[in-house]
Protein backbone atom coordinates (compact mmCIF):
# COMPACT_ATOMS: atom_id res chain seq x y z
CA MET A 1 -4.29 -12.45 13.06
CA THR A 2 -3.35 -8.99 11.81
CA ARG A 3 -5.90 -6.20 11.38
CA VAL A 4 -5.04 -4.08 8.35
CA GLY A 5 -6.76 -1.04 6.92
CA LEU A 6 -6.79 1.50 4.14
CA ILE A 7 -8.12 4.99 3.57
CA GLN A 8 -9.61 6.25 0.31
CA THR A 9 -8.95 9.97 -0.09
CA LYS A 10 -10.60 12.70 -2.16
CA SER A 11 -9.55 16.22 -3.33
CA TYR A 12 -8.41 18.75 -0.75
CA VAL A 13 -7.79 22.49 -0.86
CA ASN A 14 -4.30 22.13 0.61
CA ASN A 15 -2.11 19.65 2.45
CA LYS A 16 -3.22 20.91 5.84
CA GLU A 17 -6.89 20.20 5.10
CA GLY A 18 -6.06 16.78 3.68
CA ILE A 19 -4.01 15.75 6.70
CA GLN A 20 -6.69 17.03 9.10
CA ASN A 21 -9.43 15.05 7.32
CA VAL A 22 -7.40 11.89 7.07
CA SER A 23 -6.26 12.13 10.70
CA LYS A 24 -9.88 11.69 11.77
CA LEU A 25 -10.15 8.52 9.69
CA LEU A 26 -6.85 7.25 11.07
CA LYS A 27 -8.18 7.70 14.60
CA ASN A 28 -11.28 5.71 13.66
CA LEU A 29 -9.03 2.90 12.50
CA GLY A 30 -6.94 3.24 15.65
CA ASN A 31 -10.06 2.93 17.82
CA ALA A 32 -10.87 -0.25 15.88
CA GLU A 33 -7.42 -1.61 16.85
CA THR A 34 -6.13 -1.60 13.28
CA GLU A 35 -2.44 -2.52 13.22
CA ILE A 36 -1.27 -1.37 9.76
CA VAL A 37 -2.92 1.33 7.59
CA CYS A 38 -2.07 2.41 4.04
CA LEU A 39 -3.03 5.54 2.08
CA PRO A 40 -2.95 6.14 -1.72
CA GLU A 41 -0.10 7.46 -3.83
CA GLN A 42 0.16 11.24 -4.28
CA TRP A 43 -3.14 12.07 -2.62
CA LEU A 44 -2.12 15.49 -1.32
CA PRO A 45 -2.44 18.70 -3.38
CA ASN A 46 1.34 19.25 -3.02
CA ASN A 47 3.03 15.88 -3.36
CA GLU A 48 6.61 17.18 -3.21
CA ILE A 49 7.42 16.59 0.45
CA GLU A 50 10.53 18.31 1.79
CA ASP A 51 10.38 16.93 5.33
CA TYR A 52 8.34 13.79 6.09
CA ASP A 53 8.77 14.21 9.84
CA GLN A 54 7.29 17.70 9.75
CA GLU A 55 4.61 17.07 7.10
CA PHE A 56 3.30 13.96 8.83
CA LEU A 57 3.84 15.00 12.43
CA GLU A 58 0.16 14.42 13.24
CA PHE A 59 0.28 10.95 11.67
CA LYS A 60 3.34 10.12 13.78
CA LYS A 61 1.45 11.12 16.92
CA ILE A 62 -1.54 8.98 15.93
CA ALA A 63 0.71 6.01 15.16
CA LYS A 64 2.25 6.22 18.62
CA ASN A 65 -1.03 6.84 20.45
CA TYR A 66 -2.69 3.82 18.83
CA SER A 67 0.40 1.60 18.44
CA MET A 68 -0.33 1.53 14.71
CA THR A 69 1.87 1.34 11.63
CA ILE A 70 0.99 4.00 9.05
CA ILE A 71 2.05 4.06 5.40
CA PRO A 72 1.08 7.68 4.54
CA GLY A 73 1.10 7.04 0.79
CA ALA A 74 3.83 7.74 -1.76
CA PHE A 75 5.31 11.13 -2.64
CA TYR A 76 8.08 12.93 -4.49
CA GLU A 77 11.24 13.43 -2.45
CA LYS A 78 14.41 15.24 -3.52
CA ASN A 79 17.72 14.13 -2.10
CA GLY A 80 20.57 16.12 -3.61
CA ASN A 81 20.27 15.78 -7.37
CA LYS A 82 18.10 12.68 -7.09
CA ILE A 83 14.31 12.74 -7.20
CA SER A 84 12.42 9.62 -6.15
CA ILE A 85 8.84 8.65 -5.42
CA ASN A 86 8.74 6.73 -2.19
CA SER A 87 6.54 5.46 0.61
CA PRO A 88 7.67 6.24 4.15
CA VAL A 89 6.70 3.81 6.91
CA ILE A 90 5.76 5.14 10.36
CA ASP A 91 6.08 2.46 13.04
CA PRO A 92 3.94 2.02 16.20
CA GLU A 93 6.44 4.17 18.13
CA GLY A 94 5.73 7.08 15.80
CA GLU A 95 9.09 6.92 14.03
CA ILE A 96 9.83 6.66 10.30
CA ILE A 97 11.69 3.34 10.02
CA GLY A 98 12.34 3.38 6.28
CA LYS A 99 11.07 4.14 2.79
CA GLN A 100 10.22 2.05 -0.25
CA GLU A 101 11.15 3.73 -3.53
CA LYS A 102 8.98 3.31 -6.58
CA ILE A 103 10.80 0.83 -8.79
CA HIS A 104 8.86 1.59 -11.97
CA PRO A 105 8.15 5.32 -12.49
CA TYR A 106 5.16 5.70 -14.80
CA ASP A 107 5.07 7.55 -18.15
CA TYR A 108 5.94 11.25 -17.52
CA GLU A 109 7.47 10.38 -14.14
CA LYS A 110 10.40 8.77 -15.96
CA GLU A 111 11.53 12.22 -17.15
CA THR A 112 12.53 13.30 -13.63
CA VAL A 113 12.21 10.37 -11.22
CA SER A 114 15.00 7.90 -10.49
CA ALA A 115 13.84 4.28 -10.35
CA GLY A 116 14.18 2.39 -7.08
CA THR A 117 16.48 -0.62 -7.13
CA GLU A 118 15.38 -2.64 -4.08
CA ALA A 119 12.15 -4.27 -2.92
CA LYS A 120 12.27 -3.92 0.85
CA ILE A 121 10.66 -5.84 3.68
CA PHE A 122 9.36 -4.01 6.74
CA LYS A 123 8.45 -5.68 10.00
CA THR A 124 6.11 -4.31 12.65
CA SER A 125 3.05 -6.42 13.51
CA CYS A 126 3.95 -8.67 10.54
CA LYS A 127 6.37 -8.74 7.61
CA PHE A 128 5.11 -6.67 4.70
CA GLY A 129 6.20 -5.11 1.44
CA ILE A 130 5.07 -2.11 -0.60
CA MET A 131 4.37 -1.94 -4.35
CA ILE A 132 3.79 1.65 -5.44
CA CYS A 133 1.07 1.89 -8.11
CA TYR A 134 2.76 0.98 -11.45
CA ASP A 135 5.01 -1.53 -9.65
CA THR A 136 1.96 -3.79 -9.42
CA VAL A 137 1.97 -4.23 -13.20
CA PHE A 138 5.28 -6.10 -13.08
CA PRO A 139 5.05 -9.62 -11.58
CA GLY A 140 8.65 -9.61 -10.39
CA VAL A 141 8.07 -6.99 -7.71
CA ALA A 142 5.40 -8.95 -5.83
CA GLN A 143 7.31 -12.19 -6.36
CA MET A 144 10.54 -10.71 -4.98
CA LEU A 145 8.75 -9.36 -1.90
CA VAL A 146 7.13 -12.74 -1.26
CA ASN A 147 10.45 -14.51 -1.75
CA LYS A 148 11.93 -12.18 0.86
CA GLY A 149 9.25 -13.16 3.37
CA ALA A 150 6.40 -10.65 2.96
CA GLU A 151 3.13 -11.84 4.52
CA ILE A 152 1.01 -8.92 3.27
CA LEU A 153 1.50 -6.50 0.36
CA PHE A 154 0.39 -2.87 0.36
CA SER A 155 -0.04 -0.98 -2.90
CA PRO A 156 -0.55 2.79 -2.54
CA SER A 157 -2.00 3.80 -5.92
CA ARG A 158 -3.42 6.69 -7.92
CA ILE A 159 -5.42 5.22 -10.77
CA VAL A 160 -7.47 7.28 -13.22
CA LYS A 161 -11.06 6.25 -13.84
CA GLU A 162 -10.27 4.74 -17.24
CA GLY A 163 -7.63 2.49 -15.67
CA ILE A 164 -9.70 0.95 -12.88
CA GLU A 165 -10.63 -2.25 -14.71
CA PRO A 166 -7.07 -3.34 -15.62
CA TRP A 167 -5.78 -2.17 -12.22
CA GLU A 168 -8.26 -4.41 -10.43
CA MET A 169 -7.14 -7.32 -12.59
CA TYR A 170 -3.45 -6.70 -11.88
CA VAL A 171 -4.00 -6.54 -8.12
CA GLN A 172 -6.09 -9.71 -8.08
CA VAL A 173 -3.59 -11.62 -10.20
CA ARG A 174 -0.64 -10.56 -8.04
CA SER A 175 -2.58 -11.81 -5.03
CA LEU A 176 -3.54 -15.12 -6.65
CA GLU A 177 -0.18 -15.97 -8.16
CA ASN A 178 1.67 -15.28 -4.90
CA ARG A 179 -1.04 -16.47 -2.50
CA ILE A 180 -0.89 -13.26 -0.49
CA PRO A 181 -3.41 -10.61 0.64
CA ILE A 182 -3.05 -7.17 -0.94
CA ILE A 183 -4.29 -3.82 0.39
CA ALA A 184 -4.63 -1.30 -2.44
CA PRO A 185 -5.90 2.22 -1.64
CA ASN A 186 -6.72 4.71 -4.41
CA VAL A 187 -7.78 8.34 -4.72
CA GLU A 188 -11.38 9.14 -5.63
CA ASN A 189 -12.24 12.48 -7.26
CA THR A 190 -13.20 13.83 -10.70
CA LYS A 191 -10.08 12.30 -12.28
CA PHE A 192 -9.16 9.27 -10.19
CA GLY A 193 -11.45 6.29 -9.86
CA GLY A 194 -11.41 5.15 -6.24
CA ASN A 195 -12.51 1.52 -5.80
CA SER A 196 -9.86 0.99 -3.12
CA MET A 197 -9.57 -2.74 -2.43
CA ILE A 198 -8.67 -5.27 0.19
CA ILE A 199 -7.95 -8.54 -1.60
CA GLU A 200 -8.19 -11.67 0.53
CA LEU A 201 -8.06 -15.28 -0.59
CA THR A 202 -10.40 -18.15 0.23
CA LYS A 203 -9.93 -21.84 -0.52
CA GLU A 204 -12.77 -24.05 -1.70
CA GLY A 205 -11.47 -27.59 -2.08
CA LYS A 206 -8.43 -27.25 -4.32
CA ILE A 207 -9.54 -23.91 -5.77
CA VAL A 208 -8.26 -20.59 -4.37
CA LYS A 209 -10.49 -17.56 -5.07
CA THR A 210 -10.31 -13.85 -4.36
CA LYS A 211 -12.53 -12.13 -1.84
CA ILE A 212 -12.67 -8.43 -2.72
CA THR A 213 -13.90 -5.63 -0.47
CA LYS A 214 -14.16 -2.16 -2.06
CA LEU A 215 -14.68 1.39 -0.88
CA GLU A 216 -16.67 4.33 -2.20
CA GLU A 217 -16.07 8.00 -1.31
CA GLU A 218 -13.66 9.29 1.37
CA LEU A 219 -13.72 6.50 3.91
CA GLU A 220 -11.68 4.03 5.94
CA MET A 221 -11.91 0.24 5.98
CA SER A 222 -10.21 -2.60 7.83
CA ALA A 223 -10.03 -6.38 7.67
CA ASP A 224 -8.64 -9.17 9.85
CA ILE A 225 -6.02 -11.21 8.02
CA ILE A 226 -5.29 -14.66 9.42
CA LEU A 227 -1.72 -15.07 8.21
CA SER A 228 -1.58 -18.79 8.98
CA ASN A 229 -4.30 -19.39 6.37
CA TYR A 230 -1.93 -18.16 3.68
CA LYS A 231 1.30 -19.88 4.69
CA LYS A 232 0.37 -23.37 3.49
CA ILE A 233 -1.12 -22.33 0.16
CA ARG A 234 1.79 -19.93 -0.47
CA ARG A 235 4.35 -22.64 0.31
CA GLN A 236 2.58 -24.99 -2.09
CA ARG A 237 2.57 -22.36 -4.83
CA LEU A 238 6.28 -21.68 -4.36
CA GLU A 239 7.06 -25.40 -4.46
CA ASP A 240 5.12 -25.78 -7.71
CA ARG A 241 7.29 -23.23 -9.52
CA ASN A 242 9.77 -24.94 -11.84
CA LYS A 243 12.95 -23.41 -13.18
CA PHE A 244 13.11 -22.95 -16.95
CA GLN A 245 14.87 -20.92 -19.59
């Protein structure tokens, strides 16, 4: 069993205020023995992060104190002439062990952001992958992560209010077609629509259905995922896939 969590954020005056507020929620999740936590995409007022280690120093301390993996969200990062949007992963020792780049920059992002070229697997308390917001729209990302051994998918997102309905459908479908739980945090404010979700699956006879838990306002939430419940139904789904052209 793996206890996973997410945090739904709101608007903040500056990055310092945002990190202070969220740190309190992270500690709540830590006290509840949550093992992996994910935050939304671009939830800070300034989402161009020059130094992840410095910006998220408090998160790194919390991760180490509670032996918790923290995915702080997804942000712009400049490396030489390259600009990417990526999600850093802080492990239970408080160290950044890697980053997942956004593979599908959205709309205006394509003007400046380089697309990621690899769907990565991270391993702390379980094997997991990260789909950043628009990546969820494309079935191949989730499928590649599952093929590489992901047991849970995290999807840091920033979805406007008008896009909540299709977003919810995309997340549920990715979960159903790959037989995998998905944790999808979103921002909630005057522009972005919240409704952060933990998607679990239940089996009734031969039918697999989604169990959806949502959040309202700035809040944290966790759920216990029994990974063994998913292995059999995921193996069956993979075996049912036929090659075609």
